[in-house]
C-alpha atoms as a PDB file:
ATOM      1  CA  UNK A   1     -13.007  95.587   3.117  1.00  0.00           C
ATOM      2  CA  UNK A   2     -12.281  96.344   6.372  1.00  0.00           C
ATOM      3  CA  UNK A   3     -14.156  97.544   9.074  1.00  0.00           C
ATOM      4  CA  UNK A   4     -12.446 100.045  11.700  1.00  0.00           C
ATOM      5  CA  UNK A   5     -13.115 100.933  15.143  1.00  0.00           C
ATOM      6  CA  UNK A   6     -13.601 104.873  15.586  1.00  0.00           C
ATOM      7  CA  UNK A   7     -14.367 107.344  17.982  1.00  0.00           C
ATOM      8  CA  UNK A   8     -15.511 111.038  17.516  1.00  0.00           C
ATOM      9  CA  UNK A   9     -17.168 113.332  20.372  1.00  0.00           C
ATOM     10  CA  UNK A  10     -17.211 109.442  22.287  1.00  0.00           C
ATOM     11  CA  UNK A  11     -19.191 107.936  20.001  1.00  0.00           C
ATOM     12  CA  UNK A  12     -18.222 104.732  18.938  1.00  0.00           C
ATOM     13  CA  UNK A  13     -18.625 104.082  15.055  1.00  0.00           C
ATOM     14  CA  UNK A  14     -18.039 101.127  12.324  1.00  0.00           C
ATOM     15  CA  UNK A  15     -16.557 102.437   9.941  1.00  0.00           C
ATOM     16  CA  UNK A  16     -15.785 100.187   6.300  1.00  0.00           C
ATOM     17  CA  UNK A  17     -12.750 101.155   4.395  1.00  0.00           C
ATOM     18  CA  UNK A  18     -10.736  99.433   1.838  1.00  0.00           C
ATOM     19  CA  UNK A  19      -7.759  96.996   2.574  1.00  0.00           C
ATOM     20  CA  UNK A  20      -5.278  98.553   4.480  1.00  0.00           C
ATOM     21  CA  UNK A  21      -6.443 102.070   4.884  1.00  0.00           C
ATOM     22  CA  UNK A  22      -6.910 101.338   8.799  1.00  0.00           C
ATOM     23  CA  UNK A  23      -4.814 103.861   9.547  1.00  0.00           C
ATOM     24  CA  UNK A  24      -5.460 106.289   7.267  1.00  0.00           C
ATOM     25  CA  UNK A  25      -8.912 106.356   8.349  1.00  0.00           C
ATOM     26  CA  UNK A  26      -8.419 106.625  12.846  1.00  0.00           C
ATOM     27  CA  UNK A  27      -5.879 109.198  11.801  1.00  0.00           C
ATOM     28  CA  UNK A  28      -8.572 111.221   9.499  1.00  0.00           C
ATOM     29  CA  UNK A  29     -10.859 110.295  12.520  1.00  0.00           C
ATOM     30  CA  UNK A  30      -8.629 111.363  14.730  1.00  0.00           C
ATOM     31  CA  UNK A  31      -8.663 114.386  13.270  1.00  0.00           C
ATOM     32  CA  UNK A  32     -12.098 115.438  13.595  1.00  0.00           C
ATOM     33  CA  UNK A  33     -12.885 113.768  16.762  1.00  0.00           C
ATOM     34  CA  UNK A  34      -9.890 116.778  17.413  1.00  0.00           C
ATOM     35  CA  UNK A  35     -11.848 119.634  15.937  1.00  0.00           C
ATOM     36  CA  UNK A  36     -15.473 118.349  17.443  1.00  0.00           C
ATOM     37  CA  UNK A  37     -16.124 120.603  20.740  1.00  0.00           C
ATOM     38  CA  UNK A  38     -20.344 120.159  21.804  1.00  0.00           C
ATOM     39  CA  UNK A  39     -21.748 123.798  20.707  1.00  0.00           C
ATOM     40  CA  UNK A  40     -24.712 122.318  20.688  1.00  0.00           C
ATOM     41  CA  UNK A  41     -26.817 120.542  21.866  1.00  0.00           C
ATOM     42  CA  UNK A  42     -27.414 117.474  19.278  1.00  0.00           C
ATOM     43  CA  UNK A  43     -24.134 115.412  17.980  1.00  0.00           C
ATOM     44  CA  UNK A  44     -24.965 115.627  14.771  1.00  0.00           C
ATOM     45  CA  UNK A  45     -24.597 119.215  14.355  1.00  0.00           C
ATOM     46  CA  UNK A  46     -21.478 119.035  16.482  1.00  0.00           C
ATOM     47  CA  UNK A  47     -20.071 116.647  13.958  1.00  0.00           C
ATOM     48  CA  UNK A  48     -20.391 118.332  10.932  1.00  0.00           C
ATOM     49  CA  UNK A  49     -18.912 122.005  12.573  1.00  0.00           C
ATOM     50  CA  UNK A  50     -16.017 119.738  13.436  1.00  0.00           C
ATOM     51  CA  UNK A  51     -15.867 118.199   9.924  1.00  0.00           C
ATOM     52  CA  UNK A  52     -16.018 121.666   8.510  1.00  0.00           C
ATOM     53  CA  UNK A  53     -12.960 123.080  11.133  1.00  0.00           C
ATOM     54  CA  UNK A  54     -11.267 120.420  10.087  1.00  0.00           C
ATOM     55  CA  UNK A  55     -12.086 120.396   5.940  1.00  0.00           C
ATOM     56  CA  UNK A  56     -10.852 124.267   6.970  1.00  0.00           C
ATOM     57  CA  UNK A  57      -7.694 123.845   8.236  1.00  0.00           C
ATOM     58  CA  UNK A  58      -6.685 121.324   4.697  1.00  0.00           C
ATOM     59  CA  UNK A  59      -7.790 124.229   2.582  1.00  0.00           C
ATOM     60  CA  UNK A  60      -5.250 126.762   5.189  1.00  0.00           C
ATOM     61  CA  UNK A  61      -2.478 124.639   5.091  1.00  0.00           C
ATOM     62  CA  UNK A  62      -2.664 123.852   1.183  1.00  0.00           C
ATOM     63  CA  UNK A  63      -2.746 127.484   0.604  1.00  0.00           C
ATOM     64  CA  UNK A  64      -6.164 128.007  -1.425  1.00  0.00           C
ATOM     65  CA  UNK A  65     -10.015 128.384  -0.907  1.00  0.00           C
ATOM     66  CA  UNK A  66     -12.367 125.746  -1.404  1.00  0.00           C
ATOM     67  CA  UNK A  67     -13.601 124.784  -4.886  1.00  0.00           C
ATOM     68  CA  UNK A  68     -10.482 126.474  -5.794  1.00  0.00           C
ATOM     69  CA  UNK A  69      -7.650 123.947  -7.654  1.00  0.00           C
ATOM     70  CA  UNK A  70      -4.108 124.320  -6.198  1.00  0.00           C
ATOM     71  CA  UNK A  71      -2.962 124.422  -9.961  1.00  0.00           C
ATOM     72  CA  UNK A  72      -4.512 127.320 -10.850  1.00  0.00           C
ATOM     73  CA  UNK A  73      -2.953 129.232  -7.592  1.00  0.00           C
ATOM     74  CA  UNK A  74       0.078 127.971  -7.906  1.00  0.00           C
ATOM     75  CA  UNK A  75       0.036 130.117 -12.091  1.00  0.00           C
ATOM     76  CA  UNK A  76      -1.377 133.070 -10.240  1.00  0.00           C
ATOM     77  CA  UNK A  77       1.788 132.920  -8.234  1.00  0.00           C
ATOM     78  CA  UNK A  78       3.808 132.637 -11.404  1.00  0.00           C
ATOM     79  CA  UNK A  79       2.369 135.124 -12.980  1.00  0.00           C
ATOM     80  CA  UNK A  80       2.946 137.618  -9.637  1.00  0.00           C
ATOM     81  CA  UNK A  81       6.564 136.835 -10.167  1.00  0.00           C
ATOM     82  CA  UNK A  82       7.172 137.188 -13.938  1.00  0.00           C
ATOM     83  CA  UNK A  83       4.657 140.298 -13.828  1.00  0.00           C
ATOM     84  CA  UNK A  84       6.896 142.052 -11.312  1.00  0.00           C
ATOM     85  CA  UNK A  85      10.628 140.399 -13.421  1.00  0.00           C
ATOM     86  CA  UNK A  86       8.647 142.173 -16.333  1.00  0.00           C
ATOM     87  CA  UNK A  87       8.436 145.230 -13.946  1.00  0.00           C
ATOM     88  CA  UNK A  88      12.263 145.430 -13.857  1.00  0.00           C
ATOM     89  CA  UNK A  89      13.722 145.107 -16.828  1.00  0.00           C
ATOM     90  CA  UNK A  90      11.313 147.916 -18.031  1.00  0.00           C
ATOM     91  CA  UNK A  91      12.546 150.186 -15.387  1.00  0.00           C
ATOM     92  CA  UNK A  92      15.577 148.772 -16.763  1.00  0.00           C
ATOM     93  CA  UNK A  93      15.495 150.072 -19.780  1.00  0.00           C
ATOM     94  CA  UNK A  94      13.285 152.610 -19.440  1.00  0.00           C
ATOM     95  CA  UNK A  95      16.529 154.043 -17.358  1.00  0.00           C
ATOM     96  CA  UNK A  96      18.816 153.633 -20.816  1.00  0.00           C
ATOM     97  CA  UNK A  97      16.361 154.945 -22.738  1.00  0.00           C
ATOM     98  CA  UNK A  98      16.930 158.053 -20.191  1.00  0.00           C
ATOM     99  CA  UNK A  99      20.453 158.165 -20.631  1.00  0.00           C
ATOM    100  CA  UNK A 100      20.717 157.635 -24.297  1.00  0.00           C
ATOM    101  CA  UNK A 101      18.305 161.182 -23.881  1.00  0.00           C
ATOM    102  CA  UNK A 102      20.804 162.071 -22.155  1.00  0.00           C
ATOM    103  CA  UNK A 103      23.494 161.357 -24.195  1.00  0.00           C
ATOM    104  CA  UNK A 104      22.022 163.157 -27.310  1.00  0.00           C
ATOM    105  CA  UNK A 105      21.518 165.992 -25.308  1.00  0.00           C
ATOM    106  CA  UNK A 106      24.704 166.515 -24.368  1.00  0.00           C
ATOM    107  CA  UNK A 107      25.743 165.272 -28.072  1.00  0.00           C
ATOM    108  CA  UNK A 108      24.103 168.610 -29.332  1.00  0.00           C
ATOM    109  CA  UNK A 109      25.185 170.615 -27.116  1.00  0.00           C
ATOM    110  CA  UNK A 110      28.655 169.898 -27.487  1.00  0.00           C
ATOM    111  CA  UNK A 111      28.512 169.996 -31.233  1.00  0.00           C
ATOM    112  CA  UNK A 112      27.251 173.402 -30.631  1.00  0.00           C
ATOM    113  CA  UNK A 113      30.550 174.718 -28.412  1.00  0.00           C
ATOM    114  CA  UNK A 114      32.791 172.853 -30.919  1.00  0.00           C
ATOM    115  CA  UNK A 115      31.176 175.066 -33.581  1.00  0.00           C
ATOM    116  CA  UNK A 116      31.996 178.807 -31.420  1.00  0.00           C
ATOM    117  CA  UNK A 117      35.895 176.739 -31.380  1.00  0.00           C
ATOM    118  CA  UNK A 118      39.083 177.617 -33.374  1.00  0.00           C
ATOM    119  CA  UNK A 119      39.510 175.115 -36.663  1.00  0.00           C
ATOM    120  CA  UNK A 120      42.356 173.192 -34.259  1.00  0.00           C
ATOM    121  CA  UNK A 121      40.203 172.761 -31.220  1.00  0.00           C
ATOM    122  CA  UNK A 122      36.581 171.918 -33.358  1.00  0.00           C
ATOM    123  CA  UNK A 123      38.995 170.185 -34.875  1.00  0.00           C
ATOM    124  CA  UNK A 124      39.301 167.551 -32.009  1.00  0.00           C
ATOM    125  CA  UNK A 125      36.839 168.357 -30.683  1.00  0.00           C
ATOM    126  CA  UNK A 126      35.103 166.859 -34.111  1.00  0.00           C
ATOM    127  CA  UNK A 127      36.738 163.371 -34.201  1.00  0.00           C
ATOM    128  CA  UNK A 128      35.385 163.002 -30.299  1.00  0.00           C
ATOM    129  CA  UNK A 129      31.909 164.126 -31.355  1.00  0.00           C
ATOM    130  CA  UNK A 130      32.518 160.860 -34.178  1.00  0.00           C
ATOM    131  CA  UNK A 131      33.623 158.407 -31.792  1.00  0.00           C
ATOM    132  CA  UNK A 132      30.173 158.765 -29.603  1.00  0.00           C
ATOM    133  CA  UNK A 133      28.294 159.567 -32.362  1.00  0.00           C
ATOM    134  CA  UNK A 134      29.369 156.011 -33.724  1.00  0.00           C
ATOM    135  CA  UNK A 135      29.140 155.014 -29.852  1.00  0.00           C
ATOM    136  CA  UNK A 136      25.604 156.062 -29.848  1.00  0.00           C
ATOM    137  CA  UNK A 137      24.303 154.423 -32.863  1.00  0.00           C
ATOM    138  CA  UNK A 138      25.691 150.995 -31.535  1.00  0.00           C
ATOM    139  CA  UNK A 139      24.345 151.888 -28.600  1.00  0.00           C
ATOM    140  CA  UNK A 140      20.663 152.677 -30.440  1.00  0.00           C
ATOM    141  CA  UNK A 141      21.518 149.206 -32.582  1.00  0.00           C
ATOM    142  CA  UNK A 142      21.817 147.154 -29.253  1.00  0.00           C
ATOM    143  CA  UNK A 143      19.219 148.794 -27.139  1.00  0.00           C
ATOM    144  CA  UNK A 144      16.792 148.397 -30.255  1.00  0.00           C
ATOM    145  CA  UNK A 145      17.543 144.798 -30.962  1.00  0.00           C
ATOM    146  CA  UNK A 146      17.361 144.023 -27.164  1.00  0.00           C
ATOM    147  CA  UNK A 147      13.618 145.921 -27.087  1.00  0.00           C
ATOM    148  CA  UNK A 148      12.473 143.726 -30.049  1.00  0.00           C
ATOM    149  CA  UNK A 149      13.522 140.714 -28.594  1.00  0.00           C
ATOM    150  CA  UNK A 150      10.618 138.119 -27.341  1.00  0.00           C
ATOM    151  CA  UNK A 151      10.877 137.588 -23.844  1.00  0.00           C
ATOM    152  CA  UNK A 152       9.889 134.084 -22.953  1.00  0.00           C
ATOM    153  CA  UNK A 153       7.309 133.448 -20.246  1.00  0.00           C
ATOM    154  CA  UNK A 154       7.304 130.343 -19.123  1.00  0.00           C
ATOM    155  CA  UNK A 155       9.975 128.375 -16.999  1.00  0.00           C
ATOM    156  CA  UNK A 156      13.027 129.029 -15.713  1.00  0.00           C
ATOM    157  CA  UNK A 157      14.290 130.220 -19.240  1.00  0.00           C
ATOM    158  CA  UNK A 158      12.870 133.873 -18.251  1.00  0.00           C
ATOM    159  CA  UNK A 159      14.402 134.444 -15.540  1.00  0.00           C
ATOM    160  CA  UNK A 160      17.725 133.586 -16.254  1.00  0.00           C
ATOM    161  CA  UNK A 161      16.738 135.907 -19.455  1.00  0.00           C
ATOM    162  CA  UNK A 162      16.372 138.742 -17.238  1.00  0.00           C
ATOM    163  CA  UNK A 163      19.169 137.855 -14.547  1.00  0.00           C
ATOM    164  CA  UNK A 164      21.244 138.293 -18.001  1.00  0.00           C
ATOM    165  CA  UNK A 165      19.418 141.549 -19.571  1.00  0.00           C
ATOM    166  CA  UNK A 166      19.131 143.479 -16.360  1.00  0.00           C
ATOM    167  CA  UNK A 167      22.967 143.778 -15.964  1.00  0.00           C
ATOM    168  CA  UNK A 168      23.479 144.220 -19.440  1.00  0.00           C
ATOM    169  CA  UNK A 169      20.956 147.695 -19.218  1.00  0.00           C
ATOM    170  CA  UNK A 170      22.579 148.699 -16.162  1.00  0.00           C
ATOM    171  CA  UNK A 171      26.304 148.332 -17.668  1.00  0.00           C
ATOM    172  CA  UNK A 172      24.529 149.889 -20.618  1.00  0.00           C
ATOM    173  CA  UNK A 173      22.920 153.110 -18.759  1.00  0.00           C
ATOM    174  CA  UNK A 174      26.582 153.040 -16.813  1.00  0.00           C
ATOM    175  CA  UNK A 175      28.139 154.225 -19.853  1.00  0.00           C
ATOM    176  CA  UNK A 176      26.091 156.516 -21.778  1.00  0.00           C
ATOM    177  CA  UNK A 177      25.877 157.920 -17.425  1.00  0.00           C
ATOM    178  CA  UNK A 178      29.748 158.386 -18.452  1.00  0.00           C
ATOM    179  CA  UNK A 179      29.747 159.352 -22.464  1.00  0.00           C
ATOM    180  CA  UNK A 180      27.533 162.499 -21.093  1.00  0.00           C
ATOM    181  CA  UNK A 181      29.910 162.722 -17.910  1.00  0.00           C
ATOM    182  CA  UNK A 182      32.884 162.910 -20.630  1.00  0.00           C
ATOM    183  CA  UNK A 183      30.967 166.150 -22.595  1.00  0.00           C
ATOM    184  CA  UNK A 184      29.638 167.773 -20.062  1.00  0.00           C
ATOM    185  CA  UNK A 185      33.935 168.069 -18.649  1.00  0.00           C
ATOM    186  CA  UNK A 186      35.154 169.404 -22.379  1.00  0.00           C
ATOM    187  CA  UNK A 187      38.731 168.385 -23.617  1.00  0.00           C
ATOM    188  CA  UNK A 188      40.658 168.232 -20.171  1.00  0.00           C
ATOM    189  CA  UNK A 189      38.880 165.513 -19.186  1.00  0.00           C
ATOM    190  CA  UNK A 190      38.367 164.033 -22.639  1.00  0.00           C
END
């Protein structure tokens, strides 16, 4: 064991420490001395205040509360991040579902319009409807597959899966809206 002389509040104290720890003990004493302020006539109370202030500074820099596990704080932070990513994916999925609903509504309207046209127009419209129905069914299968996929909740793979799924869902919603626009435009825009 080594002995180090430290000074806090103008008083010197001999402190025992392990070999090689002398510089660290001096640095710790300097940190406490930096917080020392004569607030009370009793040295021990002033020393206690200095230690409390130094400990508070350490917890502030670590970003945790006293008694809180730093790893737990990191896990909470990661959970918040995962929940934000999940919310983004749910929003994109909701948009895609809404677009699918609009497409189905427009498809029903197109069917009704086709029924009221002449046989030649009805035949051309029926072909377009069949194509759109096939696309709608394909997109429905893709949407169901996307909904059935399990999202991983740990590690970096969740972020990459979310980043790949979000643009795909946005493209899907755009495709559905494009189909709806074509149906609304009638045969001239088809």
